[in-house]
Amino acid sequence: MKLLLLAAVLPLAAAYNSFPSFLSSSRRSAPWKSGAKVSTNMFLTRRPGTPSTALFAEQLGGGGPPTPRGNDGDDNNDDGNGDDNPLSSLQRWFKSPEAAEDIKTYTLSLFVALTIRFFLVEPRYIPSLSMYPTFEVGDQLAVEKITKRIRPPRRGEVVVFNPPQAFRDMVFDSPSDSSKKAKEALIKRVVATEGDVVVVKNGNLFINNEQQDESYRAEKAFYDFGPVTVPPGQLLVLGDNRNHSLDGHIWGFLPKENIIGRAVYLYWPPWRFGNDGLN
């Protein structure tokens, strides 16, 4: 399952972000192709009853029948065939079989990319050192969204979530700032689930009176915390970089409904590829 999700997310960032520009460039190029075809046919296609040399002379102004002019004698008047009109070229391209096929392909690609991103897996970027050493600034990881629909989060899992109201009230100076940042996701590790009794003492984490293995953390915590009991429907999340993380020991518990997904693989940079430290 994890390998399937990883295979889906690797091309996702490039496909999803580059699609509009790709579509745009394709549409721009199509009229050019149409114009090029018209110009090529103008010089290389022999008209019925007209020798090819006469055709070259006619087009280059060296002989042949004179080009009809408008009543005002303007040499730049359009001959009425619309070949030099960009709008006409664009309209012809949209009516062509190639355009219909391209539009179908781009639409299907966009639909697949959006479906994967919103319902299955999405890429995420690490902006801070709060999860060091598991993640470093600039790391990119795959976040899957299926598990949260099947079961609740478990201890040790790294989750991406929307910040709770308590976090926004603490960090932002005004309601307007809070609303602007409401969708900026955070990433932390689940250390306790509903019903767990949590204590941090002498830098060590205890859950239900049992000391936890925290080999993933940067160092022991410099603070004491608890005892607290995690309420129903809530989680306690902490950063692996205990002393440099604005997390649950400061702003409290995280509602389960705020969770976006579970981090499953780090895919960038490639030399750190894998799921070390992720449950």
Protein backbone atom coordinates (compact mmCIF):
# COMPACT_ATOMS: atom_id res chain seq x y z
CA MET A 1 0.00 0.00 0.00
CA LYS A 2 2.79 2.41 0.94
CA LEU A 3 4.68 1.67 -2.27
CA LEU A 4 1.53 2.36 -4.29
CA LEU A 5 1.03 5.70 -2.53
CA LEU A 6 4.66 6.60 -3.09
CA ALA A 7 4.45 5.78 -6.78
CA ALA A 8 1.42 8.07 -7.04
CA VAL A 9 2.92 11.05 -5.22
CA LEU A 10 6.31 11.25 -6.93
CA PRO A 11 4.93 12.64 -10.20
CA LEU A 12 2.05 14.44 -8.49
CA ALA A 13 3.80 17.68 -7.49
CA ALA A 14 5.20 18.25 -10.97
CA ALA A 15 2.03 17.17 -12.78
CA TYR A 16 -0.32 19.16 -10.56
CA ASN A 17 1.78 22.37 -10.50
CA SER A 18 2.85 22.34 -14.16
CA PHE A 19 -0.52 21.44 -15.69
CA PRO A 20 -1.86 25.01 -16.19
CA SER A 21 1.32 26.20 -17.90
CA PHE A 22 1.45 23.05 -20.04
CA LEU A 23 -2.12 23.54 -21.14
CA SER A 24 -1.47 27.21 -21.78
CA SER A 25 1.62 26.56 -23.89
CA SER A 26 -0.16 23.89 -25.90
CA ARG A 27 -2.99 26.25 -26.73
CA ARG A 28 -0.56 28.93 -27.77
CA SER A 29 1.35 26.59 -30.00
CA ALA A 30 -1.68 25.23 -31.83
CA PRO A 31 -2.50 28.42 -33.80
CA TRP A 32 1.18 28.65 -34.77
CA LYS A 33 1.04 25.13 -36.11
CA SER A 34 -2.07 26.03 -38.07
CA GLY A 35 -0.44 29.15 -39.45
CA ALA A 36 2.69 27.23 -40.40
CA LYS A 37 0.61 24.69 -42.27
CA VAL A 38 -1.21 27.41 -44.19
CA SER A 39 2.05 29.15 -45.12
CA THR A 40 3.64 25.88 -46.24
CA ASN A 41 0.68 24.98 -48.41
CA MET A 42 0.73 28.46 -49.91
CA PHE A 43 4.21 27.95 -51.35
CA LEU A 44 4.43 24.20 -51.93
CA THR A 45 0.94 23.28 -53.17
CA ARG A 46 0.37 23.74 -56.84
CA ARG A 47 -2.92 25.38 -57.77
CA PRO A 48 -4.98 23.73 -60.51
CA GLY A 49 -3.80 24.92 -63.88
CA THR A 50 -0.96 27.02 -62.47
CA PRO A 51 2.71 25.99 -62.88
CA SER A 52 4.73 25.92 -59.71
CA THR A 53 7.13 28.60 -61.00
CA ALA A 54 4.23 30.91 -61.67
CA LEU A 55 2.95 30.31 -58.15
CA PHE A 56 6.31 31.35 -56.65
CA ALA A 57 6.37 34.42 -58.83
CA GLU A 58 2.82 35.31 -57.88
CA GLN A 59 3.51 35.05 -54.14
CA LEU A 60 6.84 36.87 -54.28
CA GLY A 61 5.61 39.68 -56.49
CA GLY A 62 7.77 38.73 -59.46
CA GLY A 63 5.04 37.98 -61.96
CA GLY A 64 1.73 36.29 -62.42
CA PRO A 65 -1.66 37.83 -61.90
CA PRO A 66 -1.67 40.94 -59.71
CA THR A 67 -3.03 40.65 -56.21
CA PRO A 68 -6.49 42.26 -55.97
CA ARG A 69 -6.61 45.41 -53.87
CA GLY A 70 -9.39 47.12 -51.98
CA ASN A 71 -11.03 50.30 -53.19
CA ASP A 72 -8.66 52.42 -51.15
CA GLY A 73 -5.59 50.84 -52.70
CA ASP A 74 -4.18 49.70 -49.37
CA ASP A 75 -1.62 46.93 -49.95
CA ASN A 76 -2.13 45.60 -46.43
CA ASN A 77 -5.81 44.77 -46.79
CA ASP A 78 -6.71 41.25 -45.74
CA ASP A 79 -7.63 39.04 -48.69
CA GLY A 80 -10.63 37.71 -46.80
CA ASN A 81 -9.37 34.19 -46.22
CA GLY A 82 -8.53 34.90 -42.53
CA ASP A 83 -5.11 33.19 -42.73
CA ASP A 84 -3.36 36.14 -41.09
CA ASN A 85 -5.94 36.56 -38.33
CA PRO A 86 -4.77 35.00 -35.02
CA LEU A 87 -8.35 34.71 -33.82
CA SER A 88 -9.32 32.79 -36.93
CA SER A 89 -6.36 30.47 -36.47
CA LEU A 90 -7.35 29.86 -32.88
CA GLN A 91 -10.94 29.15 -33.86
CA ARG A 92 -9.84 26.70 -36.53
CA TRP A 93 -7.59 24.93 -34.05
CA PHE A 94 -10.41 24.55 -31.52
CA LYS A 95 -12.55 22.96 -34.22
CA SER A 96 -9.83 20.54 -35.27
CA PRO A 97 -9.73 16.86 -34.18
CA GLU A 98 -6.30 17.46 -32.62
CA ALA A 99 -7.69 20.13 -30.31
CA ALA A 100 -10.55 17.92 -29.17
CA GLU A 101 -8.14 15.10 -28.38
CA ASP A 102 -5.75 17.43 -26.51
CA ILE A 103 -8.55 18.91 -24.42
CA LYS A 104 -9.79 15.45 -23.47
CA THR A 105 -6.29 14.39 -22.44
CA TYR A 106 -5.65 17.51 -20.35
CA THR A 107 -9.06 17.33 -18.68
CA LEU A 108 -8.58 13.69 -17.74
CA SER A 109 -5.07 14.39 -16.43
CA LEU A 110 -6.32 17.25 -14.28
CA PHE A 111 -9.19 15.15 -12.93
CA VAL A 112 -6.85 12.30 -11.98
CA ALA A 113 -4.33 14.66 -10.36
CA LEU A 114 -6.99 16.43 -8.29
CA THR A 115 -8.59 13.14 -7.24
CA ILE A 116 -5.25 11.79 -6.04
CA ARG A 117 -4.37 15.00 -4.21
CA PHE A 118 -7.65 15.56 -2.42
CA PHE A 119 -8.61 11.99 -1.58
CA LEU A 120 -5.54 9.73 -1.64
CA VAL A 121 -2.15 11.33 -1.15
CA GLU A 122 -0.51 14.74 -1.39
CA PRO A 123 3.00 16.19 -1.14
CA ARG A 124 4.01 18.32 1.83
CA TYR A 125 6.98 20.59 2.52
CA ILE A 126 8.76 20.92 5.88
CA PRO A 127 9.22 24.63 6.78
CA SER A 128 10.87 24.40 10.22
CA LEU A 129 13.03 22.30 12.54
CA SER A 130 10.28 21.40 15.00
CA MET A 131 10.43 17.76 13.80
CA TYR A 132 14.22 17.50 13.65
CA PRO A 133 15.98 15.04 13.33
CA THR A 134 13.17 13.10 11.62
CA PHE A 135 12.67 15.94 9.14
CA GLU A 136 14.84 18.87 8.15
CA VAL A 137 13.88 22.17 6.55
CA GLY A 138 13.15 21.63 2.87
CA ASP A 139 12.27 17.96 3.14
CA GLN A 140 9.29 16.84 1.08
CA LEU A 141 7.09 13.94 2.07
CA ALA A 142 4.05 11.98 0.99
CA VAL A 143 0.97 12.33 3.18
CA GLU A 144 -1.71 9.68 2.70
CA LYS A 145 -5.36 10.41 3.48
CA ILE A 146 -6.92 6.95 3.48
CA THR A 147 -6.02 5.64 6.94
CA LYS A 148 -7.85 8.40 8.81
CA ARG A 149 -11.11 7.20 7.21
CA ILE A 150 -10.51 3.64 8.38
CA ARG A 151 -9.17 3.99 11.93
CA PRO A 152 -8.08 6.64 14.46
CA PRO A 153 -4.44 7.75 14.67
CA ARG A 154 -2.04 5.67 16.75
CA ARG A 155 0.81 6.57 19.03
CA GLY A 156 4.04 7.22 17.22
CA GLU A 157 2.47 8.20 13.91
CA VAL A 158 3.45 11.50 12.33
CA VAL A 159 0.40 13.47 11.24
CA VAL A 160 -0.26 16.62 9.25
CA PHE A 161 -3.15 18.69 10.57
CA ASN A 162 -4.91 22.03 10.50
CA PRO A 163 -3.98 24.07 13.58
CA PRO A 164 -6.63 24.04 16.33
CA GLN A 165 -8.29 27.23 17.53
CA ALA A 166 -6.17 27.29 20.69
CA PHE A 167 -3.02 27.45 18.55
CA ARG A 168 -4.39 30.26 16.38
CA ASP A 169 -5.51 32.27 19.41
CA MET A 170 -2.06 31.94 20.92
CA VAL A 171 0.02 32.70 17.85
CA PHE A 172 -1.90 35.31 15.86
CA ASP A 173 -2.49 38.87 16.99
CA SER A 174 -5.89 39.39 15.40
CA PRO A 175 -8.83 37.32 14.12
CA SER A 176 -8.01 38.37 10.55
CA ASP A 177 -4.48 37.00 10.85
CA SER A 178 -5.89 33.82 12.36
CA SER A 179 -8.33 33.28 9.51
CA LYS A 180 -5.60 33.83 6.91
CA LYS A 181 -3.38 31.23 8.54
CA ALA A 182 -6.12 28.77 9.45
CA LYS A 183 -5.30 26.50 6.53
CA GLU A 184 -1.53 26.44 7.06
CA ALA A 185 -0.93 22.88 8.15
CA LEU A 186 1.35 21.72 10.96
CA ILE A 187 3.18 18.42 11.38
CA LYS A 188 3.80 16.66 14.72
CA ARG A 189 4.00 13.19 16.23
CA VAL A 190 1.08 11.59 18.06
CA VAL A 191 2.29 10.68 21.56
CA ALA A 192 -1.07 9.95 23.22
CA THR A 193 -4.64 9.16 22.22
CA GLU A 194 -7.96 9.53 24.01
CA GLY A 195 -7.96 8.15 27.55
CA ASP A 196 -4.16 8.13 27.92
CA VAL A 197 -2.61 9.72 31.00
CA VAL A 198 0.45 11.74 29.98
CA VAL A 199 3.38 12.91 32.08
CA VAL A 200 6.68 14.46 31.03
CA LYS A 201 9.12 14.22 33.93
CA ASN A 202 12.90 14.72 33.99
CA GLY A 203 12.79 15.07 30.23
CA ASN A 204 11.14 11.69 29.65
CA LEU A 205 7.66 10.88 28.37
CA PHE A 206 5.39 8.56 30.35
CA ILE A 207 2.09 7.21 29.04
CA ASN A 208 -0.11 5.45 31.58
CA ASN A 209 2.89 5.26 33.95
CA GLU A 210 5.10 3.58 31.33
CA GLN A 211 8.21 5.34 30.00
CA GLN A 212 8.16 5.58 26.21
CA ASP A 213 10.91 4.84 23.73
CA GLU A 214 11.75 8.21 22.18
CA SER A 215 14.76 7.30 20.06
CA TYR A 216 13.43 9.61 17.34
CA ARG A 217 13.66 12.81 19.43
CA ALA A 218 16.49 15.34 19.19
CA GLU A 219 17.06 15.56 22.97
CA LYS A 220 15.29 15.27 26.30
CA ALA A 221 12.64 17.84 27.07
CA PHE A 222 13.71 20.70 29.33
CA TYR A 223 10.20 20.97 30.77
CA ASP A 224 7.85 18.96 32.95
CA PHE A 225 4.26 18.43 31.87
CA GLY A 226 1.17 16.76 33.33
CA PRO A 227 -0.26 14.58 34.46
CA VAL A 228 -3.10 15.15 31.99
CA THR A 229 -5.70 12.80 30.55
CA VAL A 230 -6.44 13.06 26.84
CA PRO A 231 -10.18 13.78 26.36
CA PRO A 232 -12.41 11.76 23.99
CA GLY A 233 -11.96 12.68 20.33
CA GLN A 234 -8.64 14.39 21.06
CA LEU A 235 -4.92 13.67 20.62
CA LEU A 236 -1.72 14.95 22.17
CA VAL A 237 0.94 15.76 19.57
CA LEU A 238 4.54 16.85 20.18
CA GLY A 239 7.44 17.82 17.95
CA ASP A 240 10.47 15.50 17.84
CA ASN A 241 12.63 18.55 18.53
CA ARG A 242 11.07 18.79 21.99
CA ASN A 243 12.62 22.07 23.12
CA HIS A 244 12.08 23.91 19.82
CA SER A 245 8.50 23.01 19.00
CA LEU A 246 5.26 24.90 19.57
CA ASP A 247 3.13 21.84 20.19
CA GLY A 248 0.54 20.20 22.44
CA HIS A 249 2.44 20.75 25.67
CA ILE A 250 1.85 24.48 25.09
CA TRP A 251 -1.50 24.83 23.30
CA GLY A 252 -3.23 21.64 24.44
CA PHE A 253 -5.03 18.84 22.64
CA LEU A 254 -5.69 18.31 18.95
CA PRO A 255 -9.20 17.39 17.71
CA LYS A 256 -9.11 14.31 15.48
CA GLU A 257 -11.16 16.05 12.80
CA ASN A 258 -8.29 18.49 12.22
CA ILE A 259 -6.07 15.76 10.83
CA ILE A 260 -5.31 15.97 7.11
CA GLY A 261 -3.30 12.78 6.76
CA ARG A 262 -0.44 10.60 7.89
CA ALA A 263 3.16 11.04 6.76
CA VAL A 264 4.31 7.77 5.17
CA TYR A 265 7.41 8.49 3.08
CA LEU A 266 10.08 11.13 2.70
CA TYR A 267 10.87 11.37 -1.02
CA TRP A 268 13.06 14.49 -1.21
CA PRO A 269 16.01 14.86 -1.00
CA PRO A 270 16.60 11.48 -2.67
CA TRP A 271 19.53 10.53 -0.44
CA ARG A 272 17.19 10.60 2.56
CA PHE A 273 14.44 8.67 0.81
CA GLY A 274 12.48 6.30 3.04
CA ASN A 275 10.25 6.09 6.08
CA ASP A 276 12.74 6.03 8.94
CA GLY A 277 11.12 7.37 12.09
CA LEU A 278 7.61 7.06 10.62
CA ASN A 279 5.18 4.45 11.94
